Protein backbone atom coordinates (compact mmCIF):
# COMPACT_ATOMS: atom_id res chain seq x y z
CA MET A 1 -32.90 35.97 13.59
CA ASN A 2 -35.93 34.86 11.64
CA PHE A 3 -35.46 31.94 9.15
CA VAL A 4 -37.62 31.88 6.10
CA PHE A 5 -38.35 29.23 3.41
CA ASP A 6 -38.08 30.83 0.12
CA LEU A 7 -37.31 29.18 -3.28
CA ASN A 8 -37.05 32.59 -5.03
CA LEU A 9 -33.27 32.70 -4.88
CA HIS A 10 -30.63 34.83 -6.52
CA LEU A 11 -29.11 33.47 -9.64
CA TYR A 12 -25.68 33.15 -8.02
CA VAL A 13 -27.12 30.91 -5.27
CA TRP A 14 -28.60 28.55 -7.85
CA LEU A 15 -25.29 28.51 -9.71
CA LEU A 16 -23.27 27.65 -6.61
CA LEU A 17 -25.74 24.92 -5.61
CA GLY A 18 -25.65 23.59 -9.10
CA ALA A 19 -21.95 23.61 -9.17
CA ALA A 20 -21.88 21.70 -5.82
CA VAL A 21 -24.25 19.04 -7.18
CA VAL A 22 -22.07 18.57 -10.32
CA LEU A 23 -18.93 18.29 -8.22
CA SER A 24 -20.55 15.89 -5.93
CA ILE A 25 -21.67 13.59 -8.73
CA ILE A 26 -18.14 13.71 -10.27
CA TYR A 27 -16.54 12.84 -6.94
CA VAL A 28 -18.87 9.99 -6.28
CA LEU A 29 -18.50 8.52 -9.71
CA TRP A 30 -14.79 8.56 -9.24
CA GLN A 31 -14.91 6.94 -5.94
CA TRP A 32 -17.34 4.12 -7.09
CA SER A 33 -15.26 3.53 -10.27
CA ARG A 34 -12.14 2.80 -8.20
CA THR A 35 -14.12 0.62 -5.84
CA ARG A 36 -15.63 -1.20 -8.80
CA VAL A 37 -12.20 -1.84 -10.35
CA LEU A 38 -11.04 -3.55 -7.09
CA SER A 39 -14.08 -5.55 -6.35
CA ARG A 40 -14.52 -6.86 -9.92
CA PHE A 41 -10.86 -7.72 -9.93
CA VAL A 42 -11.13 -9.69 -6.65
CA GLU A 43 -14.42 -11.37 -7.65
CA ARG A 44 -13.04 -12.69 -10.98
CA THR A 45 -13.19 -16.45 -11.45
CA GLU A 46 -10.01 -18.62 -11.93
CA GLN A 47 -10.90 -19.03 -15.56
CA GLU A 48 -10.94 -15.29 -16.09
CA ARG A 49 -7.74 -14.78 -14.33
CA ASP A 50 -5.90 -17.38 -16.44
CA TYR A 51 -3.97 -19.02 -13.39
CA ILE A 52 -1.22 -21.55 -13.97
CA ASP A 53 -1.64 -25.24 -13.03
CA GLU A 54 1.92 -26.24 -12.52
CA LEU A 55 3.36 -23.99 -9.66
CA PRO A 56 7.01 -22.96 -10.29
CA PRO A 57 9.86 -23.36 -7.79
CA VAL A 58 10.41 -20.24 -5.70
CA SER A 59 13.09 -18.75 -3.47
CA ILE A 60 11.76 -16.77 -0.61
CA VAL A 61 14.03 -14.03 0.57
CA VAL A 62 13.52 -12.90 4.13
CA ASP A 63 14.92 -9.68 5.42
CA ALA A 64 15.50 -10.28 9.09
CA MET A 65 18.27 -7.66 9.63
CA ASN A 66 16.31 -5.77 12.22
CA GLU A 67 13.84 -8.20 13.13
CA THR A 68 15.66 -11.29 14.31
CA HIS A 69 13.53 -11.61 17.42
CA GLN A 70 10.39 -12.20 15.14
CA LEU A 71 11.90 -15.33 13.37
CA ASP A 72 10.78 -17.83 15.89
CA ARG A 73 7.12 -16.83 15.04
CA PHE A 74 7.62 -16.06 11.31
CA LEU A 75 9.53 -18.97 10.12
CA PRO A 76 7.22 -21.74 10.98
CA LEU A 77 4.36 -20.09 9.20
CA VAL A 78 6.48 -19.83 5.99
CA LEU A 79 8.27 -23.27 6.28
CA HIS A 80 4.81 -24.97 6.68
CA GLN A 81 3.22 -23.40 3.54
CA GLU A 82 1.49 -25.95 1.22
CA TYR A 83 3.78 -25.71 -1.70
CA PRO A 84 5.68 -28.27 -3.93
CA GLU A 85 9.12 -26.69 -4.03
CA ALA A 86 10.32 -23.63 -2.27
CA GLU A 87 13.54 -22.60 -0.47
CA VAL A 88 13.60 -19.97 2.31
CA ILE A 89 16.69 -17.78 2.42
CA VAL A 90 16.89 -15.73 5.72
CA VAL A 91 19.36 -12.71 5.76
CA VAL A 92 20.41 -11.71 9.20
CA ASP A 93 22.95 -9.51 10.64
CA SER A 94 26.41 -11.08 11.16
CA ILE A 95 26.19 -10.02 14.89
CA ALA A 96 22.81 -11.78 15.47
CA GLU A 97 24.24 -14.49 17.62
CA ALA A 98 21.05 -14.66 19.77
CA THR A 99 19.29 -16.49 16.95
CA SER A 100 22.05 -18.86 15.82
CA ASP A 101 20.91 -21.69 18.05
CA MET A 102 17.32 -21.31 16.98
CA LEU A 103 18.09 -21.12 13.34
CA SER A 104 20.49 -24.00 13.50
CA GLU A 105 17.72 -26.10 15.13
CA MET A 106 15.20 -25.21 12.55
CA LYS A 107 17.74 -25.78 9.67
CA SER A 108 18.27 -29.34 11.03
CA ARG A 109 14.49 -29.97 10.58
CA PHE A 110 13.93 -28.07 7.32
CA PRO A 111 16.61 -28.75 4.56
CA ASN A 112 15.09 -25.96 2.42
CA LEU A 113 15.97 -23.34 5.03
CA HIS A 114 19.13 -21.33 4.38
CA ILE A 115 20.78 -18.74 6.41
CA THR A 116 23.11 -16.05 5.22
CA PHE A 117 24.68 -13.06 6.88
CA ALA A 118 25.21 -9.46 5.99
CA PRO A 119 28.49 -7.97 6.95
CA TYR A 120 28.22 -5.82 10.00
CA GLY A 121 30.48 -3.05 8.77
CA SER A 122 28.30 -2.09 5.71
CA ARG A 123 26.71 0.98 7.28
CA SER A 124 26.94 3.26 4.33
CA LEU A 125 24.36 1.31 2.37
CA SER A 126 20.67 0.66 2.85
CA ARG A 127 20.44 -2.33 5.15
CA LYS A 128 17.10 -3.35 3.55
CA LYS A 129 18.54 -3.35 -0.07
CA LEU A 130 21.67 -5.04 1.17
CA ALA A 131 19.64 -7.88 2.71
CA LEU A 132 17.63 -8.34 -0.50
CA MET A 133 20.72 -8.25 -2.72
CA ILE A 134 22.46 -10.92 -0.60
CA GLY A 135 19.26 -13.17 -0.58
CA ILE A 136 18.58 -12.80 -4.20
CA LYS A 137 22.14 -13.55 -5.25
CA ALA A 138 22.01 -16.69 -3.08
CA ALA A 139 18.67 -17.91 -4.54
CA LYS A 140 18.74 -20.83 -6.80
CA HIS A 141 15.33 -20.55 -8.28
CA ASP A 142 14.15 -18.36 -11.16
CA ILE A 143 11.47 -16.66 -9.19
CA VAL A 144 12.13 -14.77 -5.85
CA LEU A 145 9.58 -13.53 -3.37
CA THR A 146 10.73 -10.96 -0.94
CA THR A 147 9.26 -10.51 2.53
CA SER A 148 10.27 -9.48 6.02
CA ALA A 149 10.50 -11.34 9.35
CA ASN A 150 7.91 -9.04 10.93
CA CYS A 151 5.29 -10.31 8.48
CA ARG A 152 2.71 -13.12 9.16
CA PRO A 153 0.96 -15.26 6.60
CA THR A 154 -2.57 -15.89 7.92
CA ASN A 155 -2.84 -19.31 6.24
CA ASP A 156 -0.74 -22.07 4.52
CA GLN A 157 -2.00 -21.02 1.11
CA TRP A 158 -0.27 -17.67 0.83
CA LEU A 159 2.67 -18.90 -1.21
CA LYS A 160 0.41 -20.88 -3.56
CA THR A 161 -1.97 -17.97 -4.08
CA MET A 162 0.91 -15.61 -5.03
CA MET A 163 2.74 -18.11 -7.35
CA ARG A 164 -0.27 -19.11 -9.36
CA ASN A 165 -0.09 -15.71 -11.13
CA PHE A 166 3.26 -16.59 -12.87
CA THR A 167 1.89 -17.11 -16.42
CA PRO A 168 4.49 -17.09 -19.27
CA ASP A 169 3.82 -13.32 -19.85
CA THR A 170 4.02 -12.36 -16.14
CA ASP A 171 7.37 -11.27 -14.62
CA ILE A 172 6.14 -9.51 -11.47
CA VAL A 173 3.33 -10.20 -8.98
CA LEU A 174 2.40 -7.64 -6.50
CA GLY A 175 0.86 -8.69 -3.21
CA TYR A 176 -0.55 -6.72 -0.34
CA SER A 177 0.40 -6.31 3.20
CA HIS A 178 -1.13 -4.25 6.11
CA TYR A 179 -0.35 -3.66 9.84
CA ARG A 180 -2.50 -5.33 12.51
CA TYR A 181 -5.27 -2.79 12.78
CA LYS A 182 -6.81 -4.28 15.84
CA HIS A 183 -3.63 -3.83 17.86
CA ASP A 184 -3.58 0.04 17.17
CA LYS A 185 -4.98 1.47 20.36
CA HIS A 186 -3.23 4.87 20.05
CA LEU A 187 -4.60 8.36 19.38
CA GLY A 188 -5.20 8.75 15.71
CA ARG A 189 -5.78 5.15 14.89
CA HIS A 190 -8.88 5.78 12.72
CA MET A 191 -6.92 8.23 10.62
CA ARG A 192 -4.21 5.89 10.14
CA VAL A 193 -6.75 3.29 8.94
CA PHE A 194 -8.22 5.83 6.53
CA ASP A 195 -4.80 6.89 5.22
CA THR A 196 -3.64 3.25 4.66
CA VAL A 197 -6.66 2.22 2.82
CA THR A 198 -6.97 5.23 0.69
CA THR A 199 -3.14 4.96 -0.18
CA GLY A 200 -3.54 1.16 -0.92
CA VAL A 201 -6.62 1.70 -3.13
CA GLN A 202 -4.68 4.42 -5.15
CA TRP A 203 -1.68 2.22 -6.07
CA LEU A 204 -3.57 -1.08 -6.38
CA VAL A 205 -6.20 0.40 -8.73
CA SER A 206 -3.37 1.83 -10.84
CA ALA A 207 -1.60 -1.50 -11.01
CA VAL A 208 -4.80 -3.43 -11.80
CA LYS A 209 -5.31 -1.10 -14.73
CA GLY A 210 -1.88 -1.85 -16.04
CA ASN A 211 0.09 1.15 -14.68
CA PRO A 212 1.95 -0.16 -11.63
CA TYR A 213 4.15 2.35 -9.83
CA ARG A 214 4.36 0.89 -6.34
CA GLY A 215 4.45 -2.37 -4.50
CA THR A 216 5.53 -3.61 -1.14
CA SER A 217 8.71 -5.54 -0.62
CA ASP A 218 7.00 -7.33 2.20
CA ASN A 219 4.98 -9.21 -0.45
CA MET A 220 6.32 -8.99 -3.94
CA ALA A 221 7.68 -11.54 -6.34
CA TYR A 222 9.57 -11.30 -9.69
CA ARG A 223 11.76 -13.24 -11.94
CA LYS A 224 15.30 -13.14 -10.76
CA HIS A 225 16.76 -12.05 -14.23
CA LEU A 226 14.91 -8.75 -13.85
CA PHE A 227 16.94 -7.94 -10.72
CA PHE A 228 20.27 -8.62 -12.51
CA ASP A 229 19.04 -6.83 -15.90
CA ALA A 230 18.47 -3.71 -13.80
CA ARG A 231 21.86 -4.09 -12.07
CA GLY A 232 20.12 -4.69 -8.71
CA PHE A 233 19.31 -1.55 -6.85
CA ALA A 234 21.83 0.48 -8.80
CA GLY A 235 19.36 3.09 -9.86
CA SER A 236 18.45 4.01 -6.33
CA MET A 237 21.67 3.01 -4.36
CA ASP A 238 22.00 6.52 -2.99
CA LEU A 239 18.57 6.09 -1.24
CA ILE A 240 17.77 4.13 1.96
CA TRP A 241 14.40 3.15 0.44
CA GLY A 242 13.04 2.56 -3.08
CA GLU A 243 13.33 -1.21 -3.17
CA ASP A 244 9.58 -1.47 -3.92
CA ASP A 245 8.64 1.55 -6.02
CA VAL A 246 11.75 3.05 -7.61
CA PHE A 247 12.93 -0.38 -8.36
CA LEU A 248 9.61 -1.41 -9.61
CA LYS A 249 9.69 1.37 -12.19
CA GLU A 250 12.89 -0.02 -13.60
CA ILE A 251 11.72 -3.57 -14.05
CA CYS A 252 8.11 -3.05 -15.19
CA SER A 253 6.98 -3.13 -18.86
CA GLN A 254 3.68 -2.98 -20.52
CA GLY A 255 1.75 -6.02 -19.30
CA ASN A 256 4.32 -7.88 -17.28
CA THR A 257 2.79 -7.28 -13.88
CA ARG A 258 -0.12 -8.80 -12.11
CA VAL A 259 -1.77 -8.11 -8.81
CA GLU A 260 -2.95 -10.63 -6.21
CA LEU A 261 -5.50 -9.57 -3.65
CA ALA A 262 -7.17 -12.65 -2.58
CA PRO A 263 -7.53 -12.71 1.34
CA GLU A 264 -5.16 -15.71 1.40
CA SER A 265 -2.35 -13.71 -0.21
CA GLN A 266 -2.46 -10.63 2.20
CA LEU A 267 0.18 -10.49 5.02
CA ALA A 268 -0.14 -8.93 8.45
CA VAL A 269 2.76 -6.88 9.45
CA TYR A 270 3.82 -6.66 13.11
CA TYR A 271 5.16 -3.24 14.23
CA ALA A 272 6.18 -2.59 17.83
CA GLU A 273 5.21 1.12 17.77
CA LEU A 274 2.43 1.55 15.19
CA PRO A 275 2.10 5.33 15.20
CA ARG A 276 5.80 5.73 14.69
CA ALA A 277 5.95 3.01 12.02
CA HIS A 278 3.06 4.57 10.05
CA ALA A 279 4.65 8.01 10.24
CA LEU A 280 8.09 6.71 9.04
CA LEU A 281 6.44 4.63 6.27
CA LYS A 282 4.47 7.62 5.03
CA LEU A 283 7.48 9.94 5.00
CA ARG A 284 9.55 7.51 2.90
CA ARG A 285 6.68 6.85 0.57
CA ASP A 286 6.16 10.54 0.05
CA PHE A 287 9.84 10.96 -0.68
CA THR A 288 10.17 8.20 -3.24
CA SER A 289 6.85 8.96 -4.80
CA ARG A 290 8.61 11.89 -6.67
CA MET A 291 10.69 9.45 -8.54
CA VAL A 292 7.84 7.21 -9.99
CA ASN A 293 4.90 7.82 -12.29
CA ARG A 294 2.97 10.79 -10.88
CA THR A 295 -0.29 10.29 -12.79
CA ALA A 296 -2.12 8.58 -9.91
CA PHE A 297 -1.06 11.35 -7.50
CA TYR A 298 -2.28 14.06 -9.70
CA VAL A 299 -5.67 12.37 -10.22
CA GLN A 300 -6.02 11.91 -6.52
CA SER A 301 -5.10 15.53 -5.87
CA ALA A 302 -7.66 16.72 -8.47
CA PHE A 303 -10.53 14.91 -6.96
CA SER A 304 -9.52 16.08 -3.43
CA TRP A 305 -9.79 19.58 -4.81
CA CYS A 306 -13.10 18.66 -6.23
CA TYR A 307 -14.22 17.59 -2.83
CA TRP A 308 -13.08 20.85 -1.29
CA LEU A 309 -14.65 22.99 -4.14
CA ARG A 310 -17.98 21.32 -3.57
CA LEU A 311 -17.80 22.37 0.13
CA GLY A 312 -16.76 25.90 -0.84
CA CYS A 313 -19.81 26.23 -3.21
CA VAL A 314 -22.16 25.08 -0.56
CA ALA A 315 -20.59 27.54 2.00
CA GLY A 316 -20.84 30.36 -0.62
CA ALA A 317 -24.55 29.65 -1.20
CA ILE A 318 -25.30 29.72 2.44
CA ALA A 319 -23.28 32.94 2.80
CA LEU A 320 -25.51 34.63 0.16
CA ALA A 321 -28.72 33.67 1.93
CA PRO A 322 -27.93 32.67 5.53
CA LEU A 323 -31.48 32.91 6.85
CA ASN A 324 -33.16 30.91 4.00
CA THR A 325 -34.17 27.40 5.30
CA ALA A 326 -34.40 26.30 1.73
CA ILE A 327 -30.68 26.87 1.30
CA TRP A 328 -29.85 24.89 4.37
CA MET A 329 -31.91 22.00 3.25
CA ALA A 330 -30.50 22.05 -0.21
CA ALA A 331 -26.97 22.15 1.24
CA LEU A 332 -27.73 19.11 3.54
CA LEU A 333 -28.98 17.18 0.56
CA VAL A 334 -25.86 18.03 -1.51
CA MET A 335 -23.56 17.00 1.40
CA LEU A 336 -25.53 13.71 1.78
CA LEU A 337 -25.20 13.15 -1.95
CA THR A 338 -21.41 12.75 -1.47
CA TRP A 339 -21.28 11.48 1.96
CA VAL A 340 -23.52 8.39 1.78
CA PRO A 341 -21.98 6.87 -1.46
CA ALA A 342 -18.34 7.77 -0.20
CA VAL A 343 -19.01 5.96 3.01
CA LEU A 344 -20.38 2.89 1.32
CA SER A 345 -17.49 2.89 -1.14
CA PHE A 346 -14.88 3.18 1.60
CA VAL A 347 -16.50 0.29 3.66
CA LYS A 348 -16.19 -1.88 0.64
CA ASN A 349 -12.65 -1.01 0.06
CA CYS A 350 -12.01 -1.80 3.79
CA ARG A 351 -13.33 -5.30 3.27
CA LEU A 352 -11.30 -5.91 0.25
CA LEU A 353 -8.14 -4.84 2.01
CA GLN A 354 -9.05 -6.45 5.46
CA ALA A 355 -9.25 -3.21 7.29
CA PRO A 356 -11.81 -2.30 9.94
CA PRO A 357 -14.66 -0.34 8.40
CA LEU A 358 -14.90 3.42 9.03
CA ARG A 359 -18.33 4.99 8.45
CA LEU A 360 -19.34 8.35 9.99
CA SER A 361 -15.74 9.55 10.16
CA VAL A 362 -15.00 9.13 6.46
CA PRO A 363 -16.36 12.60 5.30
CA LEU A 364 -14.28 14.35 7.94
CA PHE A 365 -11.12 12.38 7.08
CA THR A 366 -11.66 13.00 3.47
CA LEU A 367 -11.56 16.70 4.20
CA TRP A 368 -8.60 16.40 6.53
CA ARG A 369 -6.36 14.22 4.45
CA PRO A 370 -5.01 16.87 2.12
CA LEU A 371 -3.96 18.96 5.14
CA TYR A 372 -2.62 15.73 6.71
CA ASN A 373 -0.45 15.12 3.58
CA ALA A 374 0.63 18.76 3.59
CA ILE A 375 1.90 18.40 7.15
CA TYR A 376 3.93 15.32 6.15
CA CYS A 377 5.25 17.16 3.11
CA VAL A 378 6.55 19.87 5.41
CA ARG A 379 8.10 17.23 7.67
CA GLY A 380 9.57 15.43 4.69
CA VAL A 381 11.44 18.60 3.57
CA ARG A 382 12.88 18.95 7.20
CA HIS A 383 14.01 15.30 7.19
CA ARG A 384 15.03 15.06 3.55
CA LYS A 385 18.68 14.09 4.19
CA SER A 386 17.59 11.10 6.33
CA ASN A 387 16.44 9.38 3.08
CA TYR A 388 19.94 9.25 1.70
CA THR A 389 22.56 6.62 2.69
CA SER A 390 25.60 7.96 4.63
CA PHE A 391 27.76 7.04 1.71
CA TYR A 392 26.02 9.73 -0.49
CA GLY A 393 24.80 12.09 2.38
C-alpha cells in the first residue's frame, strides 16, 4: 500500500470532516459549560451565596440499620462537630444488641445523642425508609439532616457548612458524598471513577441551575414539615429505594433548593465491597430515574450520540480515502479537538468532586459509557422485581 498526501478530496470527504469538526465543537462547548457551572458555583464568595449568620438547630438522623459495626467510627466524628445546637438520632435494628453497650456509654457522655430502634418484624417495607421515618418523627428540631453510619465527615465543619445555606427561602440543601476512591483496588476501578463523576456532574449541574431531580440521602437536609406535607415516603412506599430522588421530586418547588459543594461538606462513604456496592447503586439509580424529571438524561444521551456521530464521520472520511495521509492527519486533529478539552474538563470536575483525576482514559471511557449504561439497563430489566418491597412484590 502506498500512502499519498492529497488535498484534492471528494466533496463527501470534506462534508464528513466538516460535520466531525462541528460535532466536536458542540460537544466540547457542552462539556465546558457544565464544568464552568460547577466551578463558578464552588468559587462564589460568601457574599454572593447569601449565607445565614445564625445557624439553626438541626436533628441529624443516622440510618444504622445495616451498619451498626460502623458506629464506633462514625459517631465521634458527628458528635464532635463544631455546631451550636444539634441532636443526633441513631436508628438501629431492635436486635442490634452488640452495639448496646457502646451506644449506652456514648449516650452518657453526649446528652444530645438519642437511640431509637426499628421493629425487627418490619420486613415488608424498605428498611432504609423505615429508619428515616422513625428518626424524622423522633426529631425535635425543624430541620433534619439525613445520613448513614457508613459515612465519614472529613472535618468538624461539615454540619456548619451544610446548615449555613438555610436562608428563609431555602427548604432543602443537597450535599454530596462519594466512596473512598483510594481504597478501590479492584478491576474496573477507573471506569467506576469515571461513571461516578459523570453521574455526579449531571445531577449537580441540574440542581445548581434550579432543576434538582436527585440528591443523596447520605448528605441531604430539609425542613421537617416537607416530610409530613408529602406524607413521608407514601409516594414511593412500594419501592425499596427512592428516598433521595422520587421523594425529592415531591418536596421540591421552584427556588426552594440549594446545593453545597464545598470540600468541607462532602462525605466519604465506606463500602466493604466497592465493585458490588457501585453496581447495586447504579442499578437502583437507573430504576428510580424513570420516575423523576428526565430532561438531564435526554441531554446527556443527545451529547453521547453527538460524540459517537463525530467518530462515525471521521471513520467514514477515512473509509472514502484510506490511503490519503491528509485524511489521517485531519482525522487526528479532529479527535484531538475533542479529546484534549474533554480531558481537561474532566480533570477539573474530579478536583471539584474530590475524585482522582483521569486523563488518557477519558476518551475511551466516554465512548464506552453508553454501552456500559446499556448493559446495566439489561441487568435492570432482569432484576426489576428486586426494586419493590415484598409487601407489593
